[in-house]
Amino acid sequence: CEPACPVTAIFAEEDVPEEWQEYIEKNYDHYGK
């Protein structure tokens, strides 16, 4: 996973930066909750 998602790009849900908040729902839709 790290080559595609560097460790600095992985956040706990409550720590996701504001500019990436929209991706939380997209990830839930794609991967499930």
PDB file of N, CA and C in Angstrom:
ATOM      1  N   CYS A   1       0.826  -1.203   0.000  1.00  0.00           N
ATOM      2  CA  CYS A   1       0.000   0.000   0.000  1.00  0.00           C
ATOM      3  C   CYS A   1       0.868   1.264   0.000  1.00  0.00           C
ATOM      4  N   GLU A   2       1.986   1.252   0.689  1.00  0.00           N
ATOM      5  CA  GLU A   2       2.762   2.483   0.831  1.00  0.00           C
ATOM      6  C   GLU A   2       3.215   3.093  -0.486  1.00  0.00           C
ATOM      7  N   PRO A   3       3.615   2.320  -1.507  1.00  0.00           N
ATOM      8  CA  PRO A   3       3.985   2.964  -2.772  1.00  0.00           C
ATOM      9  C   PRO A   3       2.833   3.775  -3.379  1.00  0.00           C
ATOM     10  N   ALA A   4       1.605   3.291  -3.222  1.00  0.00           N
ATOM     11  CA  ALA A   4       0.443   4.014  -3.750  1.00  0.00           C
ATOM     12  C   ALA A   4      -0.056   5.057  -2.767  1.00  0.00           C
ATOM     13  N   CYS A   5       0.061   4.775  -1.487  1.00  0.00           N
ATOM     14  CA  CYS A   5      -0.428   5.671  -0.423  1.00  0.00           C
ATOM     15  C   CYS A   5       0.686   5.841   0.604  1.00  0.00           C
ATOM     16  N   PRO A   6       1.529   6.823   0.436  1.00  0.00           N
ATOM     17  CA  PRO A   6       2.607   7.024   1.408  1.00  0.00           C
ATOM     18  C   PRO A   6       2.055   7.127   2.829  1.00  0.00           C
ATOM     19  N   VAL A   7       2.823   6.700   3.782  1.00  0.00           N
ATOM     20  CA  VAL A   7       2.370   6.683   5.172  1.00  0.00           C
ATOM     21  C   VAL A   7       1.887   8.065   5.624  1.00  0.00           C
ATOM     22  N   THR A   8       2.395   9.123   5.027  1.00  0.00           N
ATOM     23  CA  THR A   8       1.942  10.471   5.389  1.00  0.00           C
ATOM     24  C   THR A   8       0.567  10.794   4.817  1.00  0.00           C
ATOM     25  N   ALA A   9       0.014   9.901   3.998  1.00  0.00           N
ATOM     26  CA  ALA A   9      -1.302  10.117   3.400  1.00  0.00           C
ATOM     27  C   ALA A   9      -2.388   9.304   4.095  1.00  0.00           C
ATOM     28  N   ILE A  10      -2.034   8.603   5.168  1.00  0.00           N
ATOM     29  CA  ILE A  10      -2.993   7.754   5.869  1.00  0.00           C
ATOM     30  C   ILE A  10      -3.347   8.424   7.192  1.00  0.00           C
ATOM     31  N   PHE A  11      -4.663   8.660   7.391  1.00  0.00           N
ATOM     32  CA  PHE A  11      -5.142   9.372   8.571  1.00  0.00           C
ATOM     33  C   PHE A  11      -6.251   8.586   9.252  1.00  0.00           C
ATOM     34  N   ALA A  12      -6.376   8.727  10.551  1.00  0.00           N
ATOM     35  CA  ALA A  12      -7.594   8.307  11.235  1.00  0.00           C
ATOM     36  C   ALA A  12      -8.709   9.214  10.719  1.00  0.00           C
ATOM     37  N   GLU A  13      -9.923   8.691  10.656  1.00  0.00           N
ATOM     38  CA  GLU A  13     -11.023   9.465  10.063  1.00  0.00           C
ATOM     39  C   GLU A  13     -11.152  10.858  10.677  1.00  0.00           C
ATOM     40  N   GLU A  14     -11.016  10.961  11.980  1.00  0.00           N
ATOM     41  CA  GLU A  14     -11.182  12.262  12.636  1.00  0.00           C
ATOM     42  C   GLU A  14     -10.028  13.224  12.359  1.00  0.00           C
ATOM     43  N   ASP A  15      -8.940  12.732  11.786  1.00  0.00           N
ATOM     44  CA  ASP A  15      -7.773  13.569  11.500  1.00  0.00           C
ATOM     45  C   ASP A  15      -7.610  13.915  10.024  1.00  0.00           C
ATOM     46  N   VAL A  16      -8.556  13.517   9.178  1.00  0.00           N
ATOM     47  CA  VAL A  16      -8.452  13.793   7.745  1.00  0.00           C
ATOM     48  C   VAL A  16      -8.531  15.305   7.528  1.00  0.00           C
ATOM     49  N   PRO A  17      -7.577  15.886   6.802  1.00  0.00           N
ATOM     50  CA  PRO A  17      -7.605  17.326   6.542  1.00  0.00           C
ATOM     51  C   PRO A  17      -8.891  17.743   5.820  1.00  0.00           C
ATOM     52  N   GLU A  18      -9.315  18.959   6.054  1.00  0.00           N
ATOM     53  CA  GLU A  18     -10.570  19.491   5.500  1.00  0.00           C
ATOM     54  C   GLU A  18     -10.657  19.308   3.987  1.00  0.00           C
ATOM     55  N   GLU A  19      -9.555  19.539   3.277  1.00  0.00           N
ATOM     56  CA  GLU A  19      -9.606  19.457   1.814  1.00  0.00           C
ATOM     57  C   GLU A  19      -9.833  18.032   1.304  1.00  0.00           C
ATOM     58  N   TRP A  20      -9.706  17.032   2.173  1.00  0.00           N
ATOM     59  CA  TRP A  20      -9.905  15.635   1.756  1.00  0.00           C
ATOM     60  C   TRP A  20     -11.126  14.989   2.400  1.00  0.00           C
ATOM     61  N   GLN A  21     -11.907  15.761   3.143  1.00  0.00           N
ATOM     62  CA  GLN A  21     -13.082  15.217   3.826  1.00  0.00           C
ATOM     63  C   GLN A  21     -14.059  14.551   2.860  1.00  0.00           C
ATOM     64  N   GLU A  22     -14.202  15.093   1.646  1.00  0.00           N
ATOM     65  CA  GLU A  22     -15.153  14.530   0.679  1.00  0.00           C
ATOM     66  C   GLU A  22     -14.817  13.085   0.320  1.00  0.00           C
ATOM     67  N   TYR A  23     -13.577  12.694   0.482  1.00  0.00           N
ATOM     68  CA  TYR A  23     -13.166  11.339   0.113  1.00  0.00           C
ATOM     69  C   TYR A  23     -13.574  10.294   1.145  1.00  0.00           C
ATOM     70  N   ILE A  24     -13.908  10.717   2.355  1.00  0.00           N
ATOM     71  CA  ILE A  24     -14.339   9.755   3.369  1.00  0.00           C
ATOM     72  C   ILE A  24     -15.577   9.015   2.881  1.00  0.00           C
ATOM     73  N   GLU A  25     -16.590   9.745   2.438  1.00  0.00           N
ATOM     74  CA  GLU A  25     -17.812   9.104   1.955  1.00  0.00           C
ATOM     75  C   GLU A  25     -17.540   8.281   0.694  1.00  0.00           C
ATOM     76  N   LYS A  26     -16.702   8.802  -0.195  1.00  0.00           N
ATOM     77  CA  LYS A  26     -16.366   8.043  -1.406  1.00  0.00           C
ATOM     78  C   LYS A  26     -15.689   6.722  -1.040  1.00  0.00           C
ATOM     79  N   ASN A  27     -14.821   6.743  -0.057  1.00  0.00           N
ATOM     80  CA  ASN A  27     -14.165   5.509   0.377  1.00  0.00           C
ATOM     81  C   ASN A  27     -15.165   4.543   0.993  1.00  0.00           C
ATOM     82  N   TYR A  28     -16.106   5.064   1.794  1.00  0.00           N
ATOM     83  CA  TYR A  28     -17.147   4.198   2.356  1.00  0.00           C
ATOM     84  C   TYR A  28     -17.968   3.556   1.246  1.00  0.00           C
ATOM     85  N   ASP A  29     -18.318   4.348   0.236  1.00  0.00           N
ATOM     86  CA  ASP A  29     -19.109   3.813  -0.880  1.00  0.00           C
ATOM     87  C   ASP A  29     -18.343   2.722  -1.626  1.00  0.00           C
ATOM     88  N   HIS A  30     -17.057   2.922  -1.793  1.00  0.00           N
ATOM     89  CA  HIS A  30     -16.250   1.967  -2.560  1.00  0.00           C
ATOM     90  C   HIS A  30     -15.879   0.724  -1.744  1.00  0.00           C
ATOM     91  N   TYR A  31     -15.442   0.934  -0.506  1.00  0.00           N
ATOM     92  CA  TYR A  31     -14.912  -0.172   0.293  1.00  0.00           C
ATOM     93  C   TYR A  31     -15.893  -0.711   1.328  1.00  0.00           C
ATOM     94  N   GLY A  32     -16.967   0.032   1.596  1.00  0.00           N
ATOM     95  CA  GLY A  32     -17.912  -0.371   2.638  1.00  0.00           C
ATOM     96  C   GLY A  32     -17.543   0.261   3.964  1.00  0.00           C
ATOM     97  N   LYS A  33     -18.503   0.301   4.859  1.00  0.00           N
ATOM     98  CA  LYS A  33     -18.261   0.949   6.161  1.00  0.00           C
ATOM     99  C   LYS A  33     -17.663  -0.004   7.150  1.00  0.00           C
TER     100      LYS A  33
END
